Amino acid sequence: MTNRKFSLLFFLCLSFGLLAMDAPEKKKGILVFEDALVDAVRDNNFDEASRLLCGDAGSDYIQQEGKKAFLLAVKKKNKKIMHLLLAHGDEKKLLAAKTKKYTVLELAQKKKNPEILQLITTLMKKQTKSDFPQVFFSPGIQDYLKNLIANEKKSIKIAMYWFFDNYLAKQIEDRLMKNVKIKLIYDQGCFSNIPQFLCDKGALVKKWTQDKGLMHHKFWIFGKNIDDKQLVAVGSYNATGAAEKTNCENIVILDDKEVIKKFLKQFEYLWKTPTEKLKKRKRFLKPVKN
């Protein structure tokens, strides 16, 4: 091998080596920055958090991450640092942050701080558009449905082929505790225990047992929701983990009164068709996990 060829080969190997090292180094830098920012939030050190976020590294970091620090600021009830993070970061991503147990909204509710709760609620309402129709594709449908459920003040009627989504089931349970009336009809091919769980919590639930075909609908009718409107959410989206995380799915949100009347008529037809009505059990079942 000539010296020229050897030099070229050496240069290429060195270049590829540096490229391979770049991603881990960048990731390591983000983690170091995150630790520093989280420490500043934990110490309620606004000046240090501001200094970190105003730098070049802070700008890159907050657009990609920032959720951990934002959740901690909510937990620490530090409204000033929350505003700082929101000013520098992606508001939508920060509001969608979750711990293992709680969403941002649930964490704010748990901390029982009126100012923090009002801030989160106001921002979430701003994120939730009030112009219809709206179209959503997975992933992301689950969070929007969760917001619609959380906004409901009167009733939710659900026709769902399969229901395996523990996250949405817990949100429905919360509405049941707020005296929102829930009706669910699902197909007999769904072997999830979530329908029984919701029945035990107070929902009216029926299993479609007709042999002539599947109850293959996937729609939600909300009685009094955004701007106190009736809404219908309909599409290919089953309430399952695969629909949110793996499949290509869609859902359309409509506020057209004539369209909603037709969906209500279809739901009443399904409800009045001879089916199996679930009975409330003394011992509650826990919903299955996705």
Protein backbone atom coordinates (compact mmCIF):
# COMPACT_ATOMS: atom_id res chain seq x y z
CA MET A 1 0.00 0.00 0.00
CA THR A 2 1.40 3.37 -0.99
CA ASN A 3 1.84 6.15 1.56
CA ARG A 4 -0.89 8.16 -0.20
CA LYS A 5 -3.45 5.35 0.07
CA PHE A 6 -2.47 4.69 3.68
CA SER A 7 -2.92 8.39 4.57
CA LEU A 8 -6.35 8.46 2.92
CA LEU A 9 -7.46 5.32 4.76
CA PHE A 10 -6.17 6.71 8.07
CA PHE A 11 -8.03 10.01 7.48
CA LEU A 12 -11.31 8.18 6.73
CA CYS A 13 -11.02 5.97 9.83
CA LEU A 14 -10.29 9.00 11.99
CA SER A 15 -13.28 10.89 10.53
CA PHE A 16 -15.70 8.02 11.14
CA GLY A 17 -14.34 7.62 14.65
CA LEU A 18 -14.97 11.27 15.45
CA LEU A 19 -18.50 11.09 14.01
CA ALA A 20 -19.27 8.04 16.12
CA MET A 21 -18.05 9.86 19.21
CA ASP A 22 -20.06 13.02 18.50
CA ALA A 23 -23.53 11.68 19.41
CA PRO A 24 -22.56 10.23 22.82
CA GLU A 25 -20.60 13.38 23.68
CA LYS A 26 -23.55 15.57 22.73
CA LYS A 27 -25.90 13.37 24.76
CA LYS A 28 -23.50 13.50 27.70
CA GLY A 29 -23.43 17.30 27.45
CA ILE A 30 -27.23 17.45 27.53
CA LEU A 31 -27.34 15.20 30.59
CA VAL A 32 -24.76 17.35 32.41
CA PHE A 33 -26.74 20.49 31.58
CA GLU A 34 -29.99 18.82 32.68
CA ASP A 35 -28.47 17.87 36.02
CA ALA A 36 -27.28 21.45 36.56
CA LEU A 37 -30.69 22.91 35.68
CA VAL A 38 -32.56 20.41 37.86
CA ASP A 39 -30.26 21.28 40.77
CA ALA A 40 -31.01 24.98 40.27
CA VAL A 41 -34.76 24.32 40.23
CA ARG A 42 -34.52 22.06 43.27
CA ASP A 43 -32.73 24.86 45.14
CA ASN A 44 -35.28 27.44 43.90
CA ASN A 45 -32.30 29.31 42.44
CA PHE A 46 -33.91 31.49 39.78
CA ASP A 47 -30.70 33.36 38.91
CA GLU A 48 -28.77 30.17 38.23
CA ALA A 49 -31.61 28.68 36.19
CA SER A 50 -31.81 31.90 34.18
CA ARG A 51 -28.05 31.94 33.60
CA LEU A 52 -28.11 28.35 32.34
CA LEU A 53 -31.10 28.84 30.06
CA CYS A 54 -29.84 32.07 28.51
CA GLY A 55 -26.64 30.43 27.30
CA ASP A 56 -26.20 28.62 23.96
CA ALA A 57 -26.31 25.22 25.63
CA GLY A 58 -29.54 26.19 27.36
CA SER A 59 -31.20 27.12 24.09
CA ASP A 60 -30.33 23.74 22.53
CA TYR A 61 -31.30 21.80 25.64
CA ILE A 62 -34.67 23.35 26.43
CA GLN A 63 -35.96 22.75 22.90
CA GLN A 64 -35.20 19.03 23.24
CA GLU A 65 -35.73 18.34 26.92
CA GLY A 66 -36.70 20.51 29.88
CA LYS A 67 -39.59 18.33 31.01
CA LYS A 68 -37.82 17.03 34.11
CA ALA A 69 -36.99 20.55 35.31
CA PHE A 70 -40.53 21.78 34.53
CA LEU A 71 -42.13 18.95 36.51
CA LEU A 72 -39.82 19.70 39.42
CA ALA A 73 -40.75 23.41 39.27
CA VAL A 74 -44.44 22.43 39.48
CA LYS A 75 -43.67 20.12 42.39
CA LYS A 76 -41.71 22.89 44.16
CA LYS A 77 -44.57 25.33 43.44
CA ASN A 78 -42.09 27.76 41.89
CA LYS A 79 -44.19 29.82 39.48
CA LYS A 80 -41.30 32.15 38.61
CA ILE A 81 -39.08 29.32 37.35
CA MET A 82 -42.06 27.75 35.55
CA HIS A 83 -42.51 31.00 33.60
CA LEU A 84 -38.77 31.04 32.86
CA LEU A 85 -38.83 27.50 31.45
CA LEU A 86 -41.97 28.23 29.42
CA ALA A 87 -40.40 31.39 27.98
CA HIS A 88 -37.32 29.50 26.77
CA GLY A 89 -38.85 26.14 25.86
CA ASP A 90 -41.55 24.47 23.80
CA GLU A 91 -44.74 25.20 25.76
CA LYS A 92 -46.63 22.28 24.22
CA LYS A 93 -43.89 19.76 25.09
CA LEU A 94 -43.49 21.08 28.64
CA LEU A 95 -47.25 20.87 29.31
CA ALA A 96 -47.23 17.29 27.99
CA ALA A 97 -44.54 16.22 30.50
CA LYS A 98 -45.34 13.26 32.75
CA THR A 99 -43.84 11.59 35.79
CA LYS A 100 -44.33 7.85 36.25
CA LYS A 101 -47.58 8.59 38.10
CA TYR A 102 -48.80 12.06 37.14
CA THR A 103 -49.27 14.45 34.23
CA VAL A 104 -48.38 18.13 34.74
CA LEU A 105 -52.05 18.93 35.42
CA GLU A 106 -52.46 16.07 37.90
CA LEU A 107 -49.27 17.10 39.70
CA ALA A 108 -50.54 20.70 39.97
CA GLN A 109 -53.86 19.42 41.33
CA LYS A 110 -52.02 17.25 43.86
CA LYS A 111 -49.95 20.19 45.12
CA LYS A 112 -53.14 22.24 45.74
CA ASN A 113 -51.58 25.59 44.84
CA PRO A 114 -54.32 27.78 43.26
CA GLU A 115 -51.90 30.00 41.30
CA ILE A 116 -49.94 27.08 39.81
CA LEU A 117 -53.14 25.19 38.98
CA GLN A 118 -54.66 28.26 37.34
CA LEU A 119 -51.51 28.81 35.25
CA ILE A 120 -51.42 25.20 34.02
CA THR A 121 -55.18 25.14 33.32
CA THR A 122 -55.05 28.44 31.40
CA LEU A 123 -52.10 27.31 29.29
CA MET A 124 -53.74 23.97 28.52
CA LYS A 125 -56.96 25.66 27.46
CA LYS A 126 -54.91 27.87 25.15
CA GLN A 127 -53.29 24.76 23.68
CA THR A 128 -56.70 23.19 23.11
CA LYS A 129 -58.09 24.80 19.97
CA SER A 130 -61.76 25.74 19.92
CA ASP A 131 -62.13 25.86 16.12
CA PHE A 132 -63.61 22.77 14.52
CA PRO A 133 -63.33 20.44 12.71
CA GLN A 134 -59.91 19.26 13.90
CA VAL A 135 -57.90 16.29 12.65
CA PHE A 136 -55.26 14.36 14.62
CA PHE A 137 -52.98 11.45 13.80
CA SER A 138 -51.17 9.03 16.09
CA PRO A 139 -49.00 9.40 18.08
CA GLY A 140 -50.63 12.25 19.99
CA ILE A 141 -54.32 11.31 19.85
CA GLN A 142 -54.26 9.90 23.38
CA ASP A 143 -53.28 13.23 24.98
CA TYR A 144 -55.92 15.14 23.04
CA LEU A 145 -58.64 12.66 24.05
CA LYS A 146 -57.42 12.92 27.64
CA ASN A 147 -57.87 16.71 27.49
CA LEU A 148 -61.38 16.34 26.07
CA ILE A 149 -62.29 13.89 28.84
CA ALA A 150 -60.82 16.23 31.47
CA ASN A 151 -62.84 19.16 30.03
CA GLU A 152 -66.18 17.30 30.02
CA LYS A 153 -68.82 18.68 32.39
CA LYS A 154 -71.93 16.61 31.61
CA SER A 155 -71.71 13.24 29.87
CA ILE A 156 -69.60 11.00 27.63
CA LYS A 157 -71.04 8.28 25.40
CA ILE A 158 -68.44 5.90 24.01
CA ALA A 159 -68.80 3.24 21.32
CA MET A 160 -65.43 1.48 21.20
CA TYR A 161 -64.56 -1.79 19.52
CA TRP A 162 -61.61 -2.40 21.85
CA PHE A 163 -60.74 -0.58 25.09
CA PHE A 164 -57.34 -1.36 26.61
CA ASP A 165 -56.06 2.14 27.41
CA ASN A 166 -55.41 2.38 31.15
CA TYR A 167 -54.42 6.07 30.85
CA LEU A 168 -57.80 7.07 29.38
CA ALA A 169 -59.64 4.74 31.77
CA LYS A 170 -58.15 6.57 34.78
CA GLN A 171 -59.18 9.91 33.28
CA ILE A 172 -62.74 8.60 32.84
CA GLU A 173 -62.68 7.40 36.45
CA ASP A 174 -61.81 10.96 37.51
CA ARG A 175 -64.82 12.31 35.58
CA LEU A 176 -67.07 9.73 37.24
CA MET A 177 -65.93 11.09 40.59
CA LYS A 178 -67.03 14.56 39.35
CA ASN A 179 -70.54 13.20 38.58
CA VAL A 180 -70.06 13.13 34.81
CA LYS A 181 -72.33 10.42 33.35
CA ILE A 182 -70.50 7.77 31.33
CA LYS A 183 -71.96 5.19 28.96
CA LEU A 184 -69.74 2.67 27.18
CA ILE A 185 -70.61 -0.02 24.68
CA TYR A 186 -67.85 -2.33 23.41
CA ASP A 187 -67.54 -5.50 21.33
CA GLN A 188 -67.56 -8.97 22.87
CA GLY A 189 -64.21 -9.65 21.18
CA CYS A 190 -62.54 -7.18 23.59
CA PHE A 191 -61.03 -9.25 26.44
CA SER A 192 -59.85 -6.24 28.46
CA ASN A 193 -61.05 -5.83 32.06
CA ILE A 194 -61.27 -2.03 31.68
CA PRO A 195 -65.00 -2.06 30.80
CA GLN A 196 -65.70 -3.97 34.04
CA PHE A 197 -63.42 -1.60 35.97
CA LEU A 198 -65.38 1.42 34.67
CA CYS A 199 -68.66 -0.31 35.50
CA ASP A 200 -67.43 -0.90 39.06
CA LYS A 201 -66.60 2.81 39.30
CA GLY A 202 -70.11 3.88 38.25
CA ALA A 203 -70.23 3.89 34.44
CA LEU A 204 -73.09 2.22 32.56
CA VAL A 205 -71.47 -0.44 30.37
CA LYS A 206 -72.82 -2.86 27.78
CA LYS A 207 -71.09 -5.61 25.80
CA TRP A 208 -72.20 -6.07 22.18
CA THR A 209 -73.14 -9.76 21.86
CA GLN A 210 -74.99 -9.78 18.53
CA ASP A 211 -73.78 -12.58 16.23
CA LYS A 212 -74.68 -10.74 13.04
CA GLY A 213 -71.47 -8.72 13.09
CA LEU A 214 -68.94 -6.73 15.11
CA MET A 215 -69.60 -3.53 17.03
CA HIS A 216 -66.73 -1.94 15.15
CA HIS A 217 -67.40 1.74 15.93
CA LYS A 218 -64.78 4.03 17.47
CA PHE A 219 -66.47 7.25 18.54
CA TRP A 220 -66.92 9.48 21.59
CA ILE A 221 -69.83 11.90 22.13
CA PHE A 222 -69.13 14.69 24.63
CA GLY A 223 -72.19 16.42 26.12
CA LYS A 224 -70.71 19.73 27.31
CA ASN A 225 -67.07 20.31 26.49
CA ILE A 226 -64.84 23.08 25.04
CA ASP A 227 -66.80 26.36 25.06
CA ASP A 228 -69.70 24.27 26.48
CA LYS A 229 -70.14 22.65 23.07
CA GLN A 230 -71.32 19.16 22.22
CA LEU A 231 -68.52 17.35 20.37
CA VAL A 232 -68.03 14.05 18.62
CA ALA A 233 -64.62 12.42 18.16
CA VAL A 234 -64.57 9.71 15.49
CA GLY A 235 -61.99 7.85 13.44
CA SER A 236 -59.94 4.67 13.23
CA TYR A 237 -58.51 5.08 16.74
CA ASN A 238 -59.26 2.27 19.23
CA ALA A 239 -58.49 2.99 22.89
CA THR A 240 -55.36 0.83 22.92
CA GLY A 241 -51.66 1.29 23.43
CA ALA A 242 -50.91 0.03 19.92
CA ALA A 243 -53.23 2.63 18.38
CA GLU A 244 -51.28 5.39 20.13
CA LYS A 245 -47.72 4.09 19.89
CA THR A 246 -47.49 1.72 16.90
CA ASN A 247 -50.33 2.01 14.41
CA CYS A 248 -51.12 4.73 11.89
CA GLU A 249 -54.45 6.07 13.21
CA ASN A 250 -56.66 9.14 12.87
CA ILE A 251 -59.42 10.95 14.71
CA VAL A 252 -61.64 13.87 13.69
CA ILE A 253 -63.28 16.24 16.20
CA LEU A 254 -66.57 17.81 15.06
CA ASP A 255 -69.03 20.26 16.60
CA ASP A 256 -71.65 20.17 13.83
CA LYS A 257 -75.04 19.78 15.57
CA GLU A 258 -76.65 17.79 12.76
CA VAL A 259 -73.74 15.37 12.59
CA ILE A 260 -73.78 14.92 16.38
CA LYS A 261 -77.54 14.19 16.29
CA LYS A 262 -76.85 11.32 13.88
CA PHE A 263 -74.15 9.89 16.13
CA LEU A 264 -76.48 10.17 19.14
CA LYS A 265 -79.18 8.33 17.19
CA GLN A 266 -76.71 5.57 16.29
CA PHE A 267 -75.55 5.29 19.90
CA GLU A 268 -79.16 4.97 21.14
CA TYR A 269 -79.76 2.24 18.55
CA LEU A 270 -76.72 0.32 19.83
CA TRP A 271 -77.74 0.87 23.45
CA LYS A 272 -81.32 -0.37 22.91
CA THR A 273 -80.23 -3.43 20.89
CA PRO A 274 -80.36 -6.58 23.11
CA THR A 275 -76.86 -6.86 24.56
CA GLU A 276 -75.19 -7.93 27.80
CA LYS A 277 -75.32 -5.28 30.51
CA LEU A 278 -72.38 -5.44 32.90
CA LYS A 279 -73.13 -5.49 36.61
CA LYS A 280 -71.20 -3.66 39.28
CA ARG A 281 -69.03 -5.98 41.36
CA LYS A 282 -68.26 -5.67 45.04
CA ARG A 283 -64.53 -6.10 44.54
CA PHE A 284 -63.05 -3.60 42.10
CA LEU A 285 -60.78 -4.83 39.36
CA LYS A 286 -57.70 -2.85 38.45
CA PRO A 287 -57.49 -1.89 34.76
CA VAL A 288 -54.95 -3.76 32.69
CA LYS A 289 -51.82 -1.92 31.63
CA ASN A 290 -51.03 -1.26 27.97
